[in-house]
Amino acid sequence: SAFVPAKDLYIPYFAASLETASRITEC
């Protein structure tokens, strides 16, 4: 398990949810 703070996770502006996001980027 890993904790991913919101500052390190990026999703597109138009994404309605993580499940339907066209991309999810983690730093």
PDB file of all heavy atoms in Angstrom:
ATOM      1  N   SER A   1       0.841  -1.193   0.000  1.00  0.00           N
ATOM      2  CA  SER A   1       0.000   0.000   0.000  1.00  0.00           C
ATOM      3  C   SER A   1       0.877   1.245   0.000  1.00  0.00           C
ATOM      4  O   SER A   1       1.937   1.264   0.632  1.00  0.00           O
ATOM      5  CB  SER A   1      -0.916   0.019   1.224  1.00  0.00           C
ATOM      6  OG  SER A   1      -1.752  -1.110   1.261  1.00  0.00           O
ATOM      7  N   ALA A   2       0.418   2.264  -0.698  1.00  0.00           N
ATOM      8  CA  ALA A   2       1.166   3.519  -0.756  1.00  0.00           C
ATOM      9  C   ALA A   2       0.187   4.679  -0.648  1.00  0.00           C
ATOM     10  O   ALA A   2      -0.904   4.645  -1.224  1.00  0.00           O
ATOM     11  CB  ALA A   2       1.965   3.617  -2.052  1.00  0.00           C
ATOM     12  N   PHE A   3       0.583   5.697   0.103  1.00  0.00           N
ATOM     13  CA  PHE A   3      -0.209   6.914   0.228  1.00  0.00           C
ATOM     14  C   PHE A   3       0.158   7.861  -0.898  1.00  0.00           C
ATOM     15  O   PHE A   3       1.330   8.158  -1.117  1.00  0.00           O
ATOM     16  CB  PHE A   3       0.055   7.577   1.581  1.00  0.00           C
ATOM     17  CG  PHE A   3      -0.572   8.934   1.726  1.00  0.00           C
ATOM     18  CD1 PHE A   3      -1.947   9.065   1.783  1.00  0.00           C
ATOM     19  CD2 PHE A   3       0.216  10.057   1.813  1.00  0.00           C
ATOM     20  CE1 PHE A   3      -2.544  10.314   1.919  1.00  0.00           C
ATOM     21  CE2 PHE A   3      -0.361  11.319   1.952  1.00  0.00           C
ATOM     22  CZ  PHE A   3      -1.740  11.448   2.014  1.00  0.00           C
ATOM     23  N   VAL A   4      -0.852   8.310  -1.638  1.00  0.00           N
ATOM     24  CA  VAL A   4      -0.621   9.229  -2.754  1.00  0.00           C
ATOM     25  C   VAL A   4      -1.325  10.548  -2.433  1.00  0.00           C
ATOM     26  O   VAL A   4      -2.550  10.647  -2.553  1.00  0.00           O
ATOM     27  CB  VAL A   4      -1.158   8.663  -4.084  1.00  0.00           C
ATOM     28  CG1 VAL A   4      -0.852   9.618  -5.236  1.00  0.00           C
ATOM     29  CG2 VAL A   4      -0.555   7.293  -4.356  1.00  0.00           C
ATOM     30  N   PRO A   5      -0.588  11.571  -1.999  1.00  0.00           N
ATOM     31  CA  PRO A   5      -1.243  12.857  -1.720  1.00  0.00           C
ATOM     32  C   PRO A   5      -1.767  13.498  -2.988  1.00  0.00           C
ATOM     33  O   PRO A   5      -1.274  13.232  -4.091  1.00  0.00           O
ATOM     34  CB  PRO A   5      -0.117  13.685  -1.086  1.00  0.00           C
ATOM     35  CG  PRO A   5       1.141  13.044  -1.556  1.00  0.00           C
ATOM     36  CD  PRO A   5       0.847  11.584  -1.725  1.00  0.00           C
ATOM     37  N   ALA A   6      -2.767  14.335  -2.836  1.00  0.00           N
ATOM     38  CA  ALA A   6      -3.405  14.960  -3.990  1.00  0.00           C
ATOM     39  C   ALA A   6      -2.428  15.806  -4.800  1.00  0.00           C
ATOM     40  O   ALA A   6      -2.583  15.958  -6.015  1.00  0.00           O
ATOM     41  CB  ALA A   6      -4.583  15.817  -3.534  1.00  0.00           C
ATOM     42  N   LYS A   7      -1.382  16.325  -4.148  1.00  0.00           N
ATOM     43  CA  LYS A   7      -0.420  17.161  -4.864  1.00  0.00           C
ATOM     44  C   LYS A   7       0.391  16.370  -5.876  1.00  0.00           C
ATOM     45  O   LYS A   7       0.979  16.943  -6.798  1.00  0.00           O
ATOM     46  CB  LYS A   7       0.529  17.851  -3.874  1.00  0.00           C
ATOM     47  CG  LYS A   7       1.473  16.903  -3.152  1.00  0.00           C
ATOM     48  CD  LYS A   7       2.393  17.641  -2.198  1.00  0.00           C
ATOM     49  CE  LYS A   7       3.353  16.699  -1.501  1.00  0.00           C
ATOM     50  NZ  LYS A   7       4.285  16.045  -2.443  1.00  0.00           N
ATOM     51  N   ASP A   8       0.438  15.039  -5.734  1.00  0.00           N
ATOM     52  CA  ASP A   8       1.233  14.202  -6.631  1.00  0.00           C
ATOM     53  C   ASP A   8       0.382  13.473  -7.671  1.00  0.00           C
ATOM     54  O   ASP A   8       0.922  12.671  -8.441  1.00  0.00           O
ATOM     55  CB  ASP A   8       2.020  13.165  -5.831  1.00  0.00           C
ATOM     56  CG  ASP A   8       3.091  13.804  -4.965  1.00  0.00           C
ATOM     57  OD1 ASP A   8       3.555  14.902  -5.316  1.00  0.00           O
ATOM     58  OD2 ASP A   8       3.453  13.209  -3.927  1.00  0.00           O
ATOM     59  N   LEU A   9      -0.917  13.702  -7.692  1.00  0.00           N
ATOM     60  CA  LEU A   9      -1.796  12.995  -8.622  1.00  0.00           C
ATOM     61  C   LEU A   9      -2.531  14.009  -9.488  1.00  0.00           C
ATOM     62  O   LEU A   9      -3.166  14.937  -8.970  1.00  0.00           O
ATOM     63  CB  LEU A   9      -2.806  12.130  -7.857  1.00  0.00           C
ATOM     64  CG  LEU A   9      -3.537  11.082  -8.711  1.00  0.00           C
ATOM     65  CD1 LEU A   9      -2.598   9.933  -9.040  1.00  0.00           C
ATOM     66  CD2 LEU A   9      -4.763  10.555  -7.990  1.00  0.00           C
ATOM     67  N   TYR A  10      -2.445  13.821 -10.787  1.00  0.00           N
ATOM     68  CA  TYR A  10      -3.041  14.760 -11.728  1.00  0.00           C
ATOM     69  C   TYR A  10      -4.016  14.041 -12.642  1.00  0.00           C
ATOM     70  O   TYR A  10      -3.710  12.972 -13.173  1.00  0.00           O
ATOM     71  CB  TYR A  10      -1.955  15.432 -12.579  1.00  0.00           C
ATOM     72  CG  TYR A  10      -1.012  16.305 -11.794  1.00  0.00           C
ATOM     73  CD1 TYR A  10       0.105  15.757 -11.159  1.00  0.00           C
ATOM     74  CD2 TYR A  10      -1.225  17.673 -11.679  1.00  0.00           C
ATOM     75  CE1 TYR A  10       0.970  16.560 -10.427  1.00  0.00           C
ATOM     76  CE2 TYR A  10      -0.357  18.481 -10.957  1.00  0.00           C
ATOM     77  CZ  TYR A  10       0.740  17.914 -10.339  1.00  0.00           C
ATOM     78  OH  TYR A  10       1.597  18.703  -9.619  1.00  0.00           O
ATOM     79  N   ILE A  11      -5.196  14.632 -12.824  1.00  0.00           N
ATOM     80  CA  ILE A  11      -6.186  14.114 -13.775  1.00  0.00           C
ATOM     81  C   ILE A  11      -6.654  15.274 -14.647  1.00  0.00           C
ATOM     82  O   ILE A  11      -6.533  16.437 -14.261  1.00  0.00           O
ATOM     83  CB  ILE A  11      -7.381  13.458 -13.054  1.00  0.00           C
ATOM     84  CG1 ILE A  11      -8.122  14.487 -12.189  1.00  0.00           C
ATOM     85  CG2 ILE A  11      -6.934  12.276 -12.208  1.00  0.00           C
ATOM     86  CD1 ILE A  11      -9.398  13.945 -11.588  1.00  0.00           C
ATOM     87  N   PRO A  12      -7.208  14.984 -15.831  1.00  0.00           N
ATOM     88  CA  PRO A  12      -7.634  16.063 -16.726  1.00  0.00           C
ATOM     89  C   PRO A  12      -8.797  16.872 -16.149  1.00  0.00           C
ATOM     90  O   PRO A  12      -9.573  16.383 -15.325  1.00  0.00           O
ATOM     91  CB  PRO A  12      -8.066  15.316 -17.999  1.00  0.00           C
ATOM     92  CG  PRO A  12      -7.443  13.982 -17.901  1.00  0.00           C
ATOM     93  CD  PRO A  12      -7.337  13.666 -16.441  1.00  0.00           C
ATOM     94  N   TYR A  13      -8.916  18.087 -16.616  1.00  0.00           N
ATOM     95  CA  TYR A  13      -9.999  18.976 -16.182  1.00  0.00           C
ATOM     96  C   TYR A  13     -11.365  18.379 -16.490  1.00  0.00           C
ATOM     97  O   TYR A  13     -12.314  18.528 -15.718  1.00  0.00           O
ATOM     98  CB  TYR A  13      -9.838  20.330 -16.886  1.00  0.00           C
ATOM     99  CG  TYR A  13     -11.021  21.247 -16.731  1.00  0.00           C
ATOM    100  CD1 TYR A  13     -11.160  22.053 -15.599  1.00  0.00           C
ATOM    101  CD2 TYR A  13     -12.012  21.315 -17.715  1.00  0.00           C
ATOM    102  CE1 TYR A  13     -12.246  22.888 -15.454  1.00  0.00           C
ATOM    103  CE2 TYR A  13     -13.097  22.149 -17.573  1.00  0.00           C
ATOM    104  CZ  TYR A  13     -13.218  22.933 -16.447  1.00  0.00           C
ATOM    105  OH  TYR A  13     -14.301  23.764 -16.298  1.00  0.00           O
ATOM    106  N   PHE A  14     -11.488  17.689 -17.617  1.00  0.00           N
ATOM    107  CA  PHE A  14     -12.789  17.192 -18.067  1.00  0.00           C
ATOM    108  C   PHE A  14     -13.151  15.830 -17.465  1.00  0.00           C
ATOM    109  O   PHE A  14     -14.199  15.279 -17.787  1.00  0.00           O
ATOM    110  CB  PHE A  14     -12.820  17.086 -19.598  1.00  0.00           C
ATOM    111  CG  PHE A  14     -12.646  18.412 -20.291  1.00  0.00           C
ATOM    112  CD1 PHE A  14     -11.419  18.782 -20.813  1.00  0.00           C
ATOM    113  CD2 PHE A  14     -13.704  19.296 -20.409  1.00  0.00           C
ATOM    114  CE1 PHE A  14     -11.248  20.002 -21.445  1.00  0.00           C
ATOM    115  CE2 PHE A  14     -13.555  20.521 -21.035  1.00  0.00           C
ATOM    116  CZ  PHE A  14     -12.320  20.875 -21.555  1.00  0.00           C
ATOM    117  N   ALA A  15     -12.321  15.251 -16.625  1.00  0.00           N
ATOM    118  CA  ALA A  15     -12.599  13.936 -16.052  1.00  0.00           C
ATOM    119  C   ALA A  15     -13.710  14.039 -15.011  1.00  0.00           C
ATOM    120  O   ALA A  15     -13.660  14.889 -14.114  1.00  0.00           O
ATOM    121  CB  ALA A  15     -11.344  13.356 -15.419  1.00  0.00           C
ATOM    122  N   ALA A  16     -14.704  13.175 -15.137  1.00  0.00           N
ATOM    123  CA  ALA A  16     -15.801  13.145 -14.166  1.00  0.00           C
ATOM    124  C   ALA A  16     -15.447  12.299 -12.958  1.00  0.00           C
ATOM    125  O   ALA A  16     -15.976  12.513 -11.861  1.00  0.00           O
ATOM    126  CB  ALA A  16     -17.072  12.619 -14.823  1.00  0.00           C
ATOM    127  N   SER A  17     -14.570  11.314 -13.123  1.00  0.00           N
ATOM    128  CA  SER A  17     -14.144  10.443 -12.036  1.00  0.00           C
ATOM    129  C   SER A  17     -12.833   9.790 -12.424  1.00  0.00           C
ATOM    130  O   SER A  17     -12.409   9.846 -13.593  1.00  0.00           O
ATOM    131  CB  SER A  17     -15.200   9.373 -11.741  1.00  0.00           C
ATOM    132  OG  SER A  17     -15.340   8.499 -12.850  1.00  0.00           O
ATOM    133  N   LEU A  18     -12.182   9.145 -11.456  1.00  0.00           N
ATOM    134  CA  LEU A  18     -10.941   8.439 -11.754  1.00  0.00           C
ATOM    135  C   LEU A  18     -11.189   7.275 -12.706  1.00  0.00           C
ATOM    136  O   LEU A  18     -10.344   6.951 -13.542  1.00  0.00           O
ATOM    137  CB  LEU A  18     -10.309   7.920 -10.460  1.00  0.00           C
ATOM    138  CG  LEU A  18      -9.694   8.963  -9.523  1.00  0.00           C
ATOM    139  CD1 LEU A  18      -9.163   8.290  -8.267  1.00  0.00           C
ATOM    140  CD2 LEU A  18      -8.576   9.725 -10.217  1.00  0.00           C
ATOM    141  N   GLU A  19     -12.356   6.628 -12.563  1.00  0.00           N
ATOM    142  CA  GLU A  19     -12.650   5.459 -13.400  1.00  0.00           C
ATOM    143  C   GLU A  19     -12.803   5.832 -14.868  1.00  0.00           C
ATOM    144  O   GLU A  19     -12.469   5.044 -15.757  1.00  0.00           O
ATOM    145  CB  GLU A  19     -13.922   4.759 -12.909  1.00  0.00           C
ATOM    146  CG  GLU A  19     -13.785   4.040 -11.577  1.00  0.00           C
ATOM    147  CD  GLU A  19     -13.774   4.990 -10.391  1.00  0.00           C
ATOM    148  OE1 GLU A  19     -14.124   6.178 -10.572  1.00  0.00           O
ATOM    149  OE2 GLU A  19     -13.401   4.545  -9.281  1.00  0.00           O
ATOM    150  N   THR A  20     -13.308   7.029 -15.150  1.00  0.00           N
ATOM    151  CA  THR A  20     -13.558   7.423 -16.537  1.00  0.00           C
ATOM    152  C   THR A  20     -12.524   8.410 -17.067  1.00  0.00           C
ATOM    153  O   THR A  20     -12.645   8.878 -18.201  1.00  0.00           O
ATOM    154  CB  THR A  20     -14.957   8.056 -16.662  1.00  0.00           C
ATOM    155  OG1 THR A  20     -15.044   9.209 -15.799  1.00  0.00           O
ATOM    156  CG2 THR A  20     -16.034   7.058 -16.254  1.00  0.00           C
ATOM    157  N   ALA A  21     -11.505   8.741 -16.275  1.00  0.00           N
ATOM    158  CA  ALA A  21     -10.490   9.704 -16.714  1.00  0.00           C
ATOM    159  C   ALA A  21      -9.680   9.141 -17.878  1.00  0.00           C
ATOM    160  O   ALA A  21      -9.323   7.959 -17.883  1.00  0.00           O
ATOM    161  CB  ALA A  21      -9.565  10.056 -15.559  1.00  0.00           C
ATOM    162  N   SER A  22      -9.394   9.977 -18.858  1.00  0.00           N
ATOM    163  CA  SER A  22      -8.618   9.545 -20.027  1.00  0.00           C
ATOM    164  C   SER A  22      -7.157   9.309 -19.675  1.00  0.00           C
ATOM    165  O   SER A  22      -6.458   8.566 -20.360  1.00  0.00           O
ATOM    166  CB  SER A  22      -8.720  10.591 -21.138  1.00  0.00           C
ATOM    167  OG  SER A  22      -8.248  11.856 -20.686  1.00  0.00           O
ATOM    168  N   ARG A  23      -6.686   9.925 -18.586  1.00  0.00           N
ATOM    169  CA  ARG A  23      -5.317   9.703 -18.124  1.00  0.00           C
ATOM    170  C   ARG A  23      -5.242  10.044 -16.641  1.00  0.00           C
ATOM    171  O   ARG A  23      -5.983  10.892 -16.135  1.00  0.00           O
ATOM    172  CB  ARG A  23      -4.318  10.565 -18.909  1.00  0.00           C
ATOM    173  CG  ARG A  23      -4.557  12.070 -18.775  1.00  0.00           C
ATOM    174  CD  ARG A  23      -3.538  12.882 -19.542  1.00  0.00           C
ATOM    175  NE  ARG A  23      -3.796  14.318 -19.437  1.00  0.00           N
ATOM    176  CZ  ARG A  23      -4.516  15.016 -20.302  1.00  0.00           C
ATOM    177  NH1 ARG A  23      -5.049  14.406 -21.356  1.00  0.00           N
ATOM    178  NH2 ARG A  23      -4.715  16.313 -20.140  1.00  0.00           N
ATOM    179  N   ILE A  24      -4.374   9.361 -15.940  1.00  0.00           N
ATOM    180  CA  ILE A  24      -4.072   9.640 -14.536  1.00  0.00           C
ATOM    181  C   ILE A  24      -2.553   9.644 -14.401  1.00  0.00           C
ATOM    182  O   ILE A  24      -1.903   8.661 -14.744  1.00  0.00           O
ATOM    183  CB  ILE A  24      -4.675   8.587 -13.588  1.00  0.00           C
ATOM    184  CG1 ILE A  24      -6.202   8.508 -13.752  1.00  0.00           C
ATOM    185  CG2 ILE A  24      -4.334   8.909 -12.136  1.00  0.00           C
ATOM    186  CD1 ILE A  24      -6.840   7.398 -12.933  1.00  0.00           C
ATOM    187  N   THR A  25      -1.997  10.737 -13.953  1.00  0.00           N
ATOM    188  CA  THR A  25      -0.547  10.868 -13.846  1.00  0.00           C
ATOM    189  C   THR A  25      -0.152  11.014 -12.390  1.00  0.00           C
ATOM    190  O   THR A  25      -0.657  11.884 -11.686  1.00  0.00           O
ATOM    191  CB  THR A  25      -0.054  12.099 -14.631  1.00  0.00           C
ATOM    192  OG1 THR A  25      -0.560  12.054 -15.962  1.00  0.00           O
ATOM    193  CG2 THR A  25       1.466  12.123 -14.669  1.00  0.00           C
ATOM    194  N   GLU A  26       0.764  10.158 -11.958  1.00  0.00           N
ATOM    195  CA  GLU A  26       1.303  10.254 -10.603  1.00  0.00           C
ATOM    196  C   GLU A  26       2.779  10.619 -10.682  1.00  0.00           C
ATOM    197  O   GLU A  26       3.525  10.033 -11.465  1.00  0.00           O
ATOM    198  CB  GLU A  26       1.141   8.922  -9.851  1.00  0.00           C
ATOM    199  CG  GLU A  26       1.701   8.987  -8.433  1.00  0.00           C
ATOM    200  CD  GLU A  26       1.773   7.630  -7.764  1.00  0.00           C
ATOM    201  OE1 GLU A  26       1.373   6.634  -8.397  1.00  0.00           O
ATOM    202  OE2 GLU A  26       2.255   7.558  -6.618  1.00  0.00           O
ATOM    203  N   CYS A  27       3.189  11.586  -9.882  1.00  0.00           N
ATOM    204  CA  CYS A  27       4.594  11.974  -9.805  1.00  0.00           C
ATOM    205  C   CYS A  27       5.262  11.153  -8.706  1.00  0.00           C
ATOM    206  O   CYS A  27       4.862  11.222  -7.548  1.00  0.00           O
ATOM    207  CB  CYS A  27       4.729  13.460  -9.503  1.00  0.00           C
ATOM    208  SG  CYS A  27       4.095  14.521 -10.814  1.00  0.00           S
TER     209      CYS A  27
END
